[in-house]
Amino acid sequence: MWPRIGGLRTLALGAPGEMRSRLNSLVLAGVKTATAGLLTGDYAAENEKLEQVGERLVLVDDHDALVGVVEVTGVEVVRFADVPWDFARSEGEGDRSIEEWREGHRGYWTREGFPVDDDTQVVCIRFRLISAGDGGISTGDLGT
């Protein structure tokens, strides 16, 4: 199971280290409003259910410390080959095309031990930032 903070599931983006720091910064800047996970890798391996629209998640750093709170605005499971460009672009990671997004994500998931093909099921999550910085982190207020 994924760690919980204040009863909320955590959202740990990417691999620990520079990648996670960069992705968290993109969320806090309002650039990254979506993320993708593998149904078989991220969810089945951790025995986790899919996120629900309206669910709040705690964005965490490498030490599972609170960085911000996001609210899920959309969840869709699609084949890797069917991930739409508008979703990929909303991940805010600088990909210039859906092909570039697919190449980068295929490489990342393969390095993480989860090779993907066109039929691999991808969980596409859209979210909005609820709190960050002094608005939620210093006070620990997960409800704002």
N, C-alpha and C. Protein backbone atom coordinates (compact mmCIF):
# COMPACT_ATOMS: atom_id res chain seq x y z
N MET A 1 0.83 -1.20 0.00
CA MET A 1 0.00 0.00 0.00
C MET A 1 0.87 1.25 0.00
N TRP A 2 0.31 2.30 -0.58
CA TRP A 2 1.01 3.57 -0.58
C TRP A 2 0.90 4.20 0.80
N PRO A 3 1.90 4.96 1.20
CA PRO A 3 1.83 5.65 2.49
C PRO A 3 0.63 6.59 2.54
N ARG A 4 0.17 6.88 3.76
CA ARG A 4 -0.93 7.83 4.00
C ARG A 4 -0.41 8.95 4.88
N ILE A 5 -0.94 10.14 4.66
CA ILE A 5 -0.67 11.28 5.54
C ILE A 5 -2.02 11.90 5.84
N GLY A 6 -2.34 12.00 7.11
CA GLY A 6 -3.62 12.58 7.50
C GLY A 6 -4.79 11.82 6.90
N GLY A 7 -4.64 10.53 6.68
CA GLY A 7 -5.68 9.71 6.10
C GLY A 7 -5.77 9.77 4.58
N LEU A 8 -4.96 10.61 3.94
CA LEU A 8 -4.98 10.73 2.49
C LEU A 8 -3.85 9.92 1.86
N ARG A 9 -4.12 9.34 0.70
CA ARG A 9 -3.07 8.64 -0.03
C ARG A 9 -2.03 9.64 -0.52
N THR A 10 -0.83 9.16 -0.67
CA THR A 10 0.24 10.03 -1.16
C THR A 10 0.41 9.88 -2.67
N LEU A 11 0.98 10.90 -3.26
CA LEU A 11 1.32 10.92 -4.67
C LEU A 11 2.81 11.21 -4.77
N ALA A 12 3.58 10.17 -5.08
CA ALA A 12 5.03 10.29 -5.23
C ALA A 12 5.34 10.21 -6.72
N LEU A 13 5.65 11.34 -7.32
CA LEU A 13 5.84 11.42 -8.76
C LEU A 13 7.24 10.97 -9.18
N GLY A 14 7.30 10.17 -10.23
CA GLY A 14 8.58 9.78 -10.82
C GLY A 14 9.49 9.04 -9.87
N ALA A 15 10.73 8.95 -10.26
CA ALA A 15 11.76 8.30 -9.45
C ALA A 15 12.30 9.29 -8.42
N PRO A 16 12.69 8.78 -7.24
CA PRO A 16 13.26 9.66 -6.22
C PRO A 16 14.49 10.41 -6.75
N GLY A 17 14.73 11.55 -6.16
CA GLY A 17 15.89 12.35 -6.54
C GLY A 17 15.51 13.52 -7.41
N GLU A 18 16.38 13.83 -8.37
CA GLU A 18 16.20 15.00 -9.22
C GLU A 18 14.87 14.95 -9.98
N MET A 19 14.49 13.77 -10.46
CA MET A 19 13.25 13.67 -11.23
C MET A 19 12.04 14.05 -10.37
N ARG A 20 11.93 13.50 -9.18
CA ARG A 20 10.79 13.82 -8.31
C ARG A 20 10.78 15.29 -7.95
N SER A 21 11.94 15.85 -7.63
CA SER A 21 12.02 17.28 -7.30
C SER A 21 11.53 18.14 -8.46
N ARG A 22 11.96 17.78 -9.68
CA ARG A 22 11.55 18.54 -10.87
C ARG A 22 10.05 18.43 -11.09
N LEU A 23 9.50 17.22 -10.98
CA LEU A 23 8.07 17.03 -11.20
C LEU A 23 7.25 17.74 -10.13
N ASN A 24 7.68 17.67 -8.88
CA ASN A 24 6.97 18.39 -7.82
C ASN A 24 6.99 19.89 -8.09
N SER A 25 8.12 20.41 -8.55
CA SER A 25 8.21 21.84 -8.86
C SER A 25 7.23 22.22 -9.96
N LEU A 26 7.08 21.35 -10.95
CA LEU A 26 6.13 21.61 -12.03
C LEU A 26 4.69 21.65 -11.52
N VAL A 27 4.36 20.77 -10.58
CA VAL A 27 3.02 20.79 -9.98
C VAL A 27 2.83 22.08 -9.21
N LEU A 28 3.78 22.44 -8.37
CA LEU A 28 3.66 23.64 -7.54
C LEU A 28 3.59 24.91 -8.38
N ALA A 29 4.18 24.87 -9.58
CA ALA A 29 4.14 26.03 -10.48
C ALA A 29 2.86 26.05 -11.32
N GLY A 30 2.04 25.01 -11.20
CA GLY A 30 0.80 24.95 -11.97
C GLY A 30 0.98 24.49 -13.40
N VAL A 31 2.17 24.00 -13.74
CA VAL A 31 2.47 23.54 -15.10
C VAL A 31 2.03 22.09 -15.29
N LYS A 32 2.25 21.26 -14.30
CA LYS A 32 1.91 19.84 -14.36
C LYS A 32 0.55 19.63 -13.70
N THR A 33 -0.44 19.22 -14.49
CA THR A 33 -1.79 19.02 -13.97
C THR A 33 -2.29 17.61 -14.26
N ALA A 34 -1.35 16.70 -14.54
CA ALA A 34 -1.71 15.31 -14.83
C ALA A 34 -0.50 14.42 -14.59
N THR A 35 -0.80 13.15 -14.39
CA THR A 35 0.26 12.15 -14.27
C THR A 35 -0.28 10.81 -14.75
N ALA A 36 0.62 9.95 -15.18
CA ALA A 36 0.24 8.64 -15.68
C ALA A 36 0.91 7.55 -14.86
N GLY A 37 0.18 6.46 -14.67
CA GLY A 37 0.72 5.30 -13.97
C GLY A 37 0.32 4.03 -14.69
N LEU A 38 0.96 2.94 -14.36
CA LEU A 38 0.63 1.66 -14.98
C LEU A 38 -0.34 0.89 -14.10
N LEU A 39 -1.40 0.40 -14.70
CA LEU A 39 -2.39 -0.36 -13.94
C LEU A 39 -1.75 -1.58 -13.30
N THR A 40 -0.92 -2.31 -14.07
CA THR A 40 -0.31 -3.52 -13.53
C THR A 40 0.87 -3.23 -12.62
N GLY A 41 1.61 -2.16 -12.90
CA GLY A 41 2.79 -1.85 -12.11
C GLY A 41 2.48 -1.07 -10.86
N ASP A 42 1.93 0.11 -11.02
CA ASP A 42 1.72 1.00 -9.89
C ASP A 42 0.57 0.59 -8.98
N TYR A 43 -0.48 0.06 -9.54
CA TYR A 43 -1.68 -0.23 -8.76
C TYR A 43 -1.74 -1.68 -8.30
N ALA A 44 -1.62 -2.63 -9.23
CA ALA A 44 -1.71 -4.04 -8.88
C ALA A 44 -0.57 -4.44 -7.94
N ALA A 45 0.63 -3.98 -8.24
CA ALA A 45 1.79 -4.35 -7.41
C ALA A 45 1.67 -3.82 -5.99
N GLU A 46 0.99 -2.69 -5.82
CA GLU A 46 0.84 -2.09 -4.49
C GLU A 46 -0.53 -2.36 -3.87
N ASN A 47 -1.38 -3.14 -4.56
CA ASN A 47 -2.72 -3.46 -4.08
C ASN A 47 -3.51 -2.19 -3.77
N GLU A 48 -3.46 -1.24 -4.71
CA GLU A 48 -4.16 0.04 -4.56
C GLU A 48 -5.30 0.14 -5.55
N LYS A 49 -6.37 0.79 -5.14
CA LYS A 49 -7.49 1.09 -6.02
C LYS A 49 -7.18 2.35 -6.80
N LEU A 50 -7.89 2.53 -7.91
CA LEU A 50 -7.74 3.75 -8.69
C LEU A 50 -8.22 4.95 -7.88
N GLU A 51 -7.64 6.09 -8.17
CA GLU A 51 -8.09 7.33 -7.57
C GLU A 51 -9.51 7.62 -8.05
N GLN A 52 -10.22 8.45 -7.28
CA GLN A 52 -11.59 8.85 -7.63
C GLN A 52 -11.63 10.36 -7.83
N VAL A 53 -12.47 10.83 -8.74
CA VAL A 53 -12.65 12.26 -8.92
C VAL A 53 -13.09 12.86 -7.58
N GLY A 54 -12.45 13.94 -7.19
CA GLY A 54 -12.72 14.60 -5.92
C GLY A 54 -11.80 14.16 -4.79
N GLU A 55 -11.10 13.05 -4.97
CA GLU A 55 -10.17 12.56 -3.94
C GLU A 55 -8.99 13.51 -3.84
N ARG A 56 -8.56 13.75 -2.63
CA ARG A 56 -7.36 14.56 -2.40
C ARG A 56 -6.18 13.65 -2.12
N LEU A 57 -5.04 14.02 -2.70
CA LEU A 57 -3.80 13.27 -2.55
C LEU A 57 -2.72 14.20 -2.03
N VAL A 58 -1.85 13.66 -1.21
CA VAL A 58 -0.74 14.44 -0.67
C VAL A 58 0.48 14.24 -1.56
N LEU A 59 0.91 15.30 -2.18
CA LEU A 59 2.13 15.29 -2.99
C LEU A 59 3.31 15.23 -2.03
N VAL A 60 4.20 14.24 -2.23
CA VAL A 60 5.30 14.05 -1.29
C VAL A 60 6.66 14.12 -1.98
N ASP A 61 7.68 14.35 -1.15
CA ASP A 61 9.06 14.36 -1.63
C ASP A 61 9.67 12.97 -1.43
N ASP A 62 10.98 12.89 -1.55
CA ASP A 62 11.68 11.61 -1.42
C ASP A 62 11.56 10.97 -0.04
N HIS A 63 11.22 11.77 0.96
CA HIS A 63 11.15 11.27 2.33
C HIS A 63 9.70 11.14 2.80
N ASP A 64 8.77 11.12 1.84
CA ASP A 64 7.33 11.06 2.11
C ASP A 64 6.86 12.23 2.96
N ALA A 65 7.53 13.36 2.84
CA ALA A 65 7.10 14.58 3.53
C ALA A 65 6.16 15.36 2.61
N LEU A 66 5.18 16.01 3.19
CA LEU A 66 4.17 16.76 2.46
C LEU A 66 4.78 17.94 1.71
N VAL A 67 4.45 18.02 0.40
CA VAL A 67 4.89 19.12 -0.45
C VAL A 67 3.69 19.97 -0.85
N GLY A 68 2.55 19.32 -1.00
CA GLY A 68 1.33 20.00 -1.39
C GLY A 68 0.18 19.02 -1.39
N VAL A 69 -1.01 19.54 -1.69
CA VAL A 69 -2.20 18.71 -1.78
C VAL A 69 -2.85 18.97 -3.13
N VAL A 70 -3.20 17.89 -3.83
CA VAL A 70 -3.89 18.00 -5.11
C VAL A 70 -5.25 17.31 -5.00
N GLU A 71 -6.17 17.74 -5.85
CA GLU A 71 -7.49 17.11 -5.93
C GLU A 71 -7.64 16.50 -7.32
N VAL A 72 -8.05 15.25 -7.35
CA VAL A 72 -8.22 14.54 -8.61
C VAL A 72 -9.44 15.09 -9.34
N THR A 73 -9.25 15.47 -10.61
CA THR A 73 -10.34 16.01 -11.42
C THR A 73 -10.75 15.06 -12.55
N GLY A 74 -9.96 14.02 -12.78
CA GLY A 74 -10.30 13.05 -13.81
C GLY A 74 -9.44 11.82 -13.72
N VAL A 75 -10.03 10.65 -14.00
CA VAL A 75 -9.30 9.38 -14.01
C VAL A 75 -9.82 8.58 -15.20
N GLU A 76 -8.89 8.09 -16.00
CA GLU A 76 -9.25 7.29 -17.16
C GLU A 76 -8.18 6.23 -17.37
N VAL A 77 -8.59 5.01 -17.69
CA VAL A 77 -7.65 3.95 -18.02
C VAL A 77 -7.73 3.71 -19.52
N VAL A 78 -6.57 3.85 -20.18
CA VAL A 78 -6.51 3.68 -21.63
C VAL A 78 -5.28 2.84 -22.01
N ARG A 79 -5.32 2.29 -23.20
CA ARG A 79 -4.15 1.60 -23.74
C ARG A 79 -3.02 2.61 -23.92
N PHE A 80 -1.80 2.17 -23.73
CA PHE A 80 -0.64 3.03 -23.92
C PHE A 80 -0.70 3.73 -25.28
N ALA A 81 -1.06 2.98 -26.32
CA ALA A 81 -1.12 3.54 -27.67
C ALA A 81 -2.24 4.56 -27.84
N ASP A 82 -3.19 4.59 -26.90
CA ASP A 82 -4.35 5.49 -27.02
C ASP A 82 -4.30 6.69 -26.08
N VAL A 83 -3.19 6.87 -25.35
CA VAL A 83 -3.07 8.06 -24.50
C VAL A 83 -3.11 9.28 -25.42
N PRO A 84 -4.07 10.19 -25.19
CA PRO A 84 -4.20 11.33 -26.09
C PRO A 84 -3.14 12.41 -25.84
N TRP A 85 -2.84 13.17 -26.89
CA TRP A 85 -1.85 14.23 -26.81
C TRP A 85 -2.25 15.29 -25.79
N ASP A 86 -3.53 15.63 -25.68
CA ASP A 86 -3.91 16.67 -24.73
C ASP A 86 -3.61 16.24 -23.30
N PHE A 87 -3.73 14.93 -23.01
CA PHE A 87 -3.35 14.44 -21.68
C PHE A 87 -1.83 14.52 -21.52
N ALA A 88 -1.09 13.99 -22.48
CA ALA A 88 0.37 13.99 -22.40
C ALA A 88 0.90 15.41 -22.21
N ARG A 89 0.36 16.36 -22.94
CA ARG A 89 0.78 17.75 -22.81
C ARG A 89 0.50 18.30 -21.42
N SER A 90 -0.62 17.88 -20.80
CA SER A 90 -0.97 18.38 -19.47
C SER A 90 -0.06 17.83 -18.37
N GLU A 91 0.76 16.82 -18.71
CA GLU A 91 1.76 16.36 -17.75
C GLU A 91 2.85 17.42 -17.55
N GLY A 92 2.95 18.35 -18.49
CA GLY A 92 3.83 19.50 -18.32
C GLY A 92 5.31 19.22 -18.29
N GLU A 93 5.73 18.12 -18.88
CA GLU A 93 7.14 17.73 -18.80
C GLU A 93 7.95 18.13 -20.02
N GLY A 94 7.35 18.93 -20.92
CA GLY A 94 8.10 19.47 -22.04
C GLY A 94 8.11 18.64 -23.29
N ASP A 95 7.34 17.55 -23.33
CA ASP A 95 7.30 16.75 -24.55
C ASP A 95 6.70 17.58 -25.69
N ARG A 96 7.27 17.43 -26.88
CA ARG A 96 6.82 18.22 -28.02
C ARG A 96 5.84 17.48 -28.92
N SER A 97 5.62 16.20 -28.64
CA SER A 97 4.69 15.40 -29.43
C SER A 97 4.28 14.18 -28.62
N ILE A 98 3.20 13.53 -29.04
CA ILE A 98 2.77 12.30 -28.36
C ILE A 98 3.82 11.21 -28.55
N GLU A 99 4.51 11.22 -29.67
CA GLU A 99 5.56 10.22 -29.90
C GLU A 99 6.71 10.41 -28.90
N GLU A 100 7.07 11.65 -28.66
CA GLU A 100 8.13 11.93 -27.68
C GLU A 100 7.68 11.52 -26.29
N TRP A 101 6.42 11.80 -25.94
CA TRP A 101 5.87 11.39 -24.65
C TRP A 101 5.94 9.87 -24.51
N ARG A 102 5.49 9.15 -25.54
CA ARG A 102 5.50 7.68 -25.50
C ARG A 102 6.92 7.14 -25.35
N GLU A 103 7.85 7.69 -26.09
CA GLU A 103 9.24 7.23 -26.01
C GLU A 103 9.80 7.44 -24.60
N GLY A 104 9.58 8.62 -24.03
CA GLY A 104 10.08 8.91 -22.69
C GLY A 104 9.43 8.04 -21.62
N HIS A 105 8.12 7.86 -21.70
CA HIS A 105 7.43 7.05 -20.70
C HIS A 105 7.74 5.57 -20.86
N ARG A 106 7.84 5.11 -22.08
CA ARG A 106 8.21 3.71 -22.31
C ARG A 106 9.59 3.43 -21.70
N GLY A 107 10.54 4.33 -21.93
CA GLY A 107 11.87 4.17 -21.37
C GLY A 107 11.87 4.20 -19.85
N TYR A 108 11.13 5.15 -19.26
CA TYR A 108 11.07 5.26 -17.80
C TYR A 108 10.50 3.98 -17.19
N TRP A 109 9.34 3.54 -17.69
CA TRP A 109 8.70 2.36 -17.10
C TRP A 109 9.54 1.11 -17.31
N THR A 110 10.22 1.01 -18.44
CA THR A 110 11.09 -0.14 -18.68
C THR A 110 12.25 -0.14 -17.68
N ARG A 111 12.84 1.03 -17.44
CA ARG A 111 13.93 1.12 -16.44
C ARG A 111 13.43 0.76 -15.05
N GLU A 112 12.17 1.04 -14.78
CA GLU A 112 11.58 0.72 -13.47
C GLU A 112 11.16 -0.74 -13.36
N GLY A 113 11.36 -1.52 -14.44
CA GLY A 113 11.05 -2.94 -14.42
C GLY A 113 9.67 -3.29 -14.95
N PHE A 114 9.03 -2.35 -15.65
CA PHE A 114 7.71 -2.58 -16.20
C PHE A 114 7.68 -2.22 -17.69
N PRO A 115 8.21 -3.10 -18.54
CA PRO A 115 8.18 -2.80 -19.97
C PRO A 115 6.73 -2.68 -20.45
N VAL A 116 6.50 -1.77 -21.39
CA VAL A 116 5.15 -1.55 -21.90
C VAL A 116 5.09 -1.81 -23.39
N ASP A 117 3.90 -2.17 -23.85
CA ASP A 117 3.62 -2.27 -25.28
C ASP A 117 2.36 -1.46 -25.55
N ASP A 118 1.89 -1.47 -26.77
CA ASP A 118 0.74 -0.66 -27.13
C ASP A 118 -0.52 -0.98 -26.31
N ASP A 119 -0.64 -2.22 -25.85
CA ASP A 119 -1.84 -2.65 -25.12
C ASP A 119 -1.75 -2.49 -23.61
N THR A 120 -0.61 -2.06 -23.10
CA THR A 120 -0.46 -1.87 -21.66
C THR A 120 -1.46 -0.81 -21.18
N GLN A 121 -2.13 -1.12 -20.06
CA GLN A 121 -3.14 -0.22 -19.51
C GLN A 121 -2.48 0.88 -18.68
N VAL A 122 -2.78 2.13 -19.06
CA VAL A 122 -2.22 3.31 -18.40
C VAL A 122 -3.34 4.05 -17.68
N VAL A 123 -3.09 4.40 -16.42
CA VAL A 123 -4.04 5.19 -15.65
C VAL A 123 -3.66 6.66 -15.83
N CYS A 124 -4.57 7.41 -16.43
CA CYS A 124 -4.35 8.84 -16.69
C CYS A 124 -5.12 9.64 -15.65
N ILE A 125 -4.39 10.35 -14.81
CA ILE A 125 -4.98 11.11 -13.72
C ILE A 125 -4.78 12.59 -13.97
N ARG A 126 -5.85 13.33 -13.91
CA ARG A 126 -5.79 14.80 -13.97
C ARG A 126 -6.07 15.33 -12.57
N PHE A 127 -5.42 16.44 -12.23
CA PHE A 127 -5.58 16.99 -10.89
C PHE A 127 -5.39 18.49 -10.90
N ARG A 128 -5.77 19.10 -9.79
CA ARG A 128 -5.51 20.53 -9.61
C ARG A 128 -4.88 20.70 -8.23
N LEU A 129 -3.99 21.67 -8.15
CA LEU A 129 -3.30 21.96 -6.90
C LEU A 129 -4.26 22.65 -5.94
N ILE A 130 -4.38 22.12 -4.73
CA ILE A 130 -5.26 22.68 -3.71
C ILE A 130 -4.47 23.58 -2.75
N SER A 131 -3.33 23.07 -2.28
CA SER A 131 -2.52 23.88 -1.37
C SER A 131 -1.05 23.56 -1.55
N ALA A 132 -0.25 24.57 -1.28
CA ALA A 132 1.20 24.45 -1.35
C ALA A 132 1.80 25.61 -0.59
N GLY A 133 3.07 25.48 -0.29
CA GLY A 133 3.75 26.57 0.43
C GLY A 133 3.11 26.82 1.78
N ASP A 134 3.01 28.09 2.15
CA ASP A 134 2.47 28.43 3.46
C ASP A 134 1.01 28.09 3.62
N GLY A 135 0.29 27.88 2.51
CA GLY A 135 -1.15 27.60 2.59
C GLY A 135 -1.48 26.24 3.12
N GLY A 136 -0.58 25.31 3.16
CA GLY A 136 -0.93 23.98 3.65
C GLY A 136 0.23 23.24 4.26
N ILE A 137 1.41 23.50 3.78
CA ILE A 137 2.54 22.71 4.23
C ILE A 137 2.94 23.05 5.67
N SER A 138 3.09 24.30 5.96
CA SER A 138 3.57 24.65 7.29
C SER A 138 2.52 24.38 8.37
N THR A 139 1.25 24.45 8.00
CA THR A 139 0.21 24.23 8.98
C THR A 139 -0.24 22.78 9.03
N GLY A 140 0.12 22.01 7.99
CA GLY A 140 -0.33 20.64 7.94
C GLY A 140 -1.82 20.53 7.62
N ASP A 141 -2.42 21.59 7.10
CA ASP A 141 -3.85 21.60 6.80
C ASP A 141 -4.08 20.91 5.47
N LEU A 142 -4.56 19.67 5.51
CA LEU A 142 -4.76 18.91 4.29
C LEU A 142 -6.11 19.19 3.65
N GLY A 143 -6.95 19.95 4.32
CA GLY A 143 -8.29 20.17 3.81
C GLY A 143 -8.45 21.46 3.04
N THR A 144 -7.43 22.33 3.01
CA THR A 144 -7.60 23.61 2.32
C THR A 144 -7.44 23.47 0.83
